[in-house]
């Protein structure tokens, strides 16, 4: 059976449990047309544009 040979110090234990391994929030950028916050390299849900072109027609 696997048993630890030495005591793990509080500092080592807490480093392992710290937030260093947690994921960051995705970076949001402003849509150049409408100013809505959008994920990078995705179509804007508000105005339907991507790379300056209308990809999705939006109803008024």
C-alpha atoms as a PDB file:
ATOM      1  CA  UNK A   1       0.000   0.000   0.000  1.00  0.00           C
ATOM      2  CA  UNK A   2       1.315   3.470  -0.913  1.00  0.00           C
ATOM      3  CA  UNK A   3       2.159   5.489   2.178  1.00  0.00           C
ATOM      4  CA  UNK A   4       3.892   8.906   2.205  1.00  0.00           C
ATOM      5  CA  UNK A   5       7.485   8.672   3.422  1.00  0.00           C
ATOM      6  CA  UNK A   6       7.616  12.231   4.794  1.00  0.00           C
ATOM      7  CA  UNK A   7       5.094  14.786   5.977  1.00  0.00           C
ATOM      8  CA  UNK A   8       4.016  17.256   3.314  1.00  0.00           C
ATOM      9  CA  UNK A   9       4.562  20.762   4.644  1.00  0.00           C
ATOM     10  CA  UNK A  10       1.711  23.241   4.822  1.00  0.00           C
ATOM     11  CA  UNK A  11       3.419  25.486   2.277  1.00  0.00           C
ATOM     12  CA  UNK A  12       3.801  22.669  -0.255  1.00  0.00           C
ATOM     13  CA  UNK A  13       0.244  21.467   0.344  1.00  0.00           C
ATOM     14  CA  UNK A  14      -1.216  24.964  -0.010  1.00  0.00           C
ATOM     15  CA  UNK A  15       0.806  25.671  -3.170  1.00  0.00           C
ATOM     16  CA  UNK A  16      -0.752  22.609  -4.727  1.00  0.00           C
ATOM     17  CA  UNK A  17      -4.238  23.699  -3.679  1.00  0.00           C
ATOM     18  CA  UNK A  18      -3.783  27.325  -4.723  1.00  0.00           C
ATOM     19  CA  UNK A  19      -5.454  28.980  -7.656  1.00  0.00           C
ATOM     20  CA  UNK A  20      -2.389  28.686  -9.925  1.00  0.00           C
ATOM     21  CA  UNK A  21      -3.997  25.825 -11.834  1.00  0.00           C
ATOM     22  CA  UNK A  22      -7.421  27.395 -12.258  1.00  0.00           C
ATOM     23  CA  UNK A  23      -8.523  28.563 -15.689  1.00  0.00           C
ATOM     24  CA  UNK A  24      -8.701  32.247 -16.583  1.00  0.00           C
ATOM     25  CA  UNK A  25     -11.744  33.918 -18.025  1.00  0.00           C
ATOM     26  CA  UNK A  26     -11.793  34.051 -21.828  1.00  0.00           C
ATOM     27  CA  UNK A  27     -10.594  37.334 -23.314  1.00  0.00           C
ATOM     28  CA  UNK A  28     -13.402  39.477 -24.641  1.00  0.00           C
ATOM     29  CA  UNK A  29     -12.906  42.071 -27.379  1.00  0.00           C
ATOM     30  CA  UNK A  30     -15.178  44.866 -28.562  1.00  0.00           C
ATOM     31  CA  UNK A  31     -17.001  44.423 -31.862  1.00  0.00           C
ATOM     32  CA  UNK A  32     -15.702  47.133 -34.221  1.00  0.00           C
ATOM     33  CA  UNK A  33     -19.196  47.758 -35.630  1.00  0.00           C
ATOM     34  CA  UNK A  34     -21.511  47.819 -32.609  1.00  0.00           C
ATOM     35  CA  UNK A  35     -19.128  47.825 -29.609  1.00  0.00           C
ATOM     36  CA  UNK A  36     -20.618  44.683 -28.035  1.00  0.00           C
ATOM     37  CA  UNK A  37     -18.217  42.407 -26.117  1.00  0.00           C
ATOM     38  CA  UNK A  38     -17.464  39.293 -28.209  1.00  0.00           C
ATOM     39  CA  UNK A  39     -15.142  36.300 -27.939  1.00  0.00           C
ATOM     40  CA  UNK A  40     -12.186  36.646 -30.314  1.00  0.00           C
ATOM     41  CA  UNK A  41     -12.566  35.073 -33.791  1.00  0.00           C
ATOM     42  CA  UNK A  42     -16.329  34.616 -33.402  1.00  0.00           C
ATOM     43  CA  UNK A  43     -19.374  36.176 -35.068  1.00  0.00           C
ATOM     44  CA  UNK A  44     -20.919  39.041 -33.101  1.00  0.00           C
ATOM     45  CA  UNK A  45     -24.333  37.945 -31.822  1.00  0.00           C
ATOM     46  CA  UNK A  46     -25.603  41.514 -31.624  1.00  0.00           C
ATOM     47  CA  UNK A  47     -24.948  42.676 -35.193  1.00  0.00           C
ATOM     48  CA  UNK A  48     -24.031  39.420 -36.987  1.00  0.00           C
ATOM     49  CA  UNK A  49     -20.719  40.613 -38.434  1.00  0.00           C
ATOM     50  CA  UNK A  50     -17.310  38.946 -38.619  1.00  0.00           C
ATOM     51  CA  UNK A  51     -14.173  40.500 -40.111  1.00  0.00           C
ATOM     52  CA  UNK A  52     -16.184  43.483 -41.342  1.00  0.00           C
ATOM     53  CA  UNK A  53     -18.672  41.355 -43.302  1.00  0.00           C
ATOM     54  CA  UNK A  54     -22.289  40.559 -42.477  1.00  0.00           C
ATOM     55  CA  UNK A  55     -22.446  36.814 -41.836  1.00  0.00           C
ATOM     56  CA  UNK A  56     -25.833  36.515 -40.100  1.00  0.00           C
ATOM     57  CA  UNK A  57     -28.779  38.653 -41.138  1.00  0.00           C
ATOM     58  CA  UNK A  58     -30.351  40.312 -38.093  1.00  0.00           C
ATOM     59  CA  UNK A  59     -34.017  41.331 -37.868  1.00  0.00           C
ATOM     60  CA  UNK A  60     -34.626  44.955 -37.006  1.00  0.00           C
END
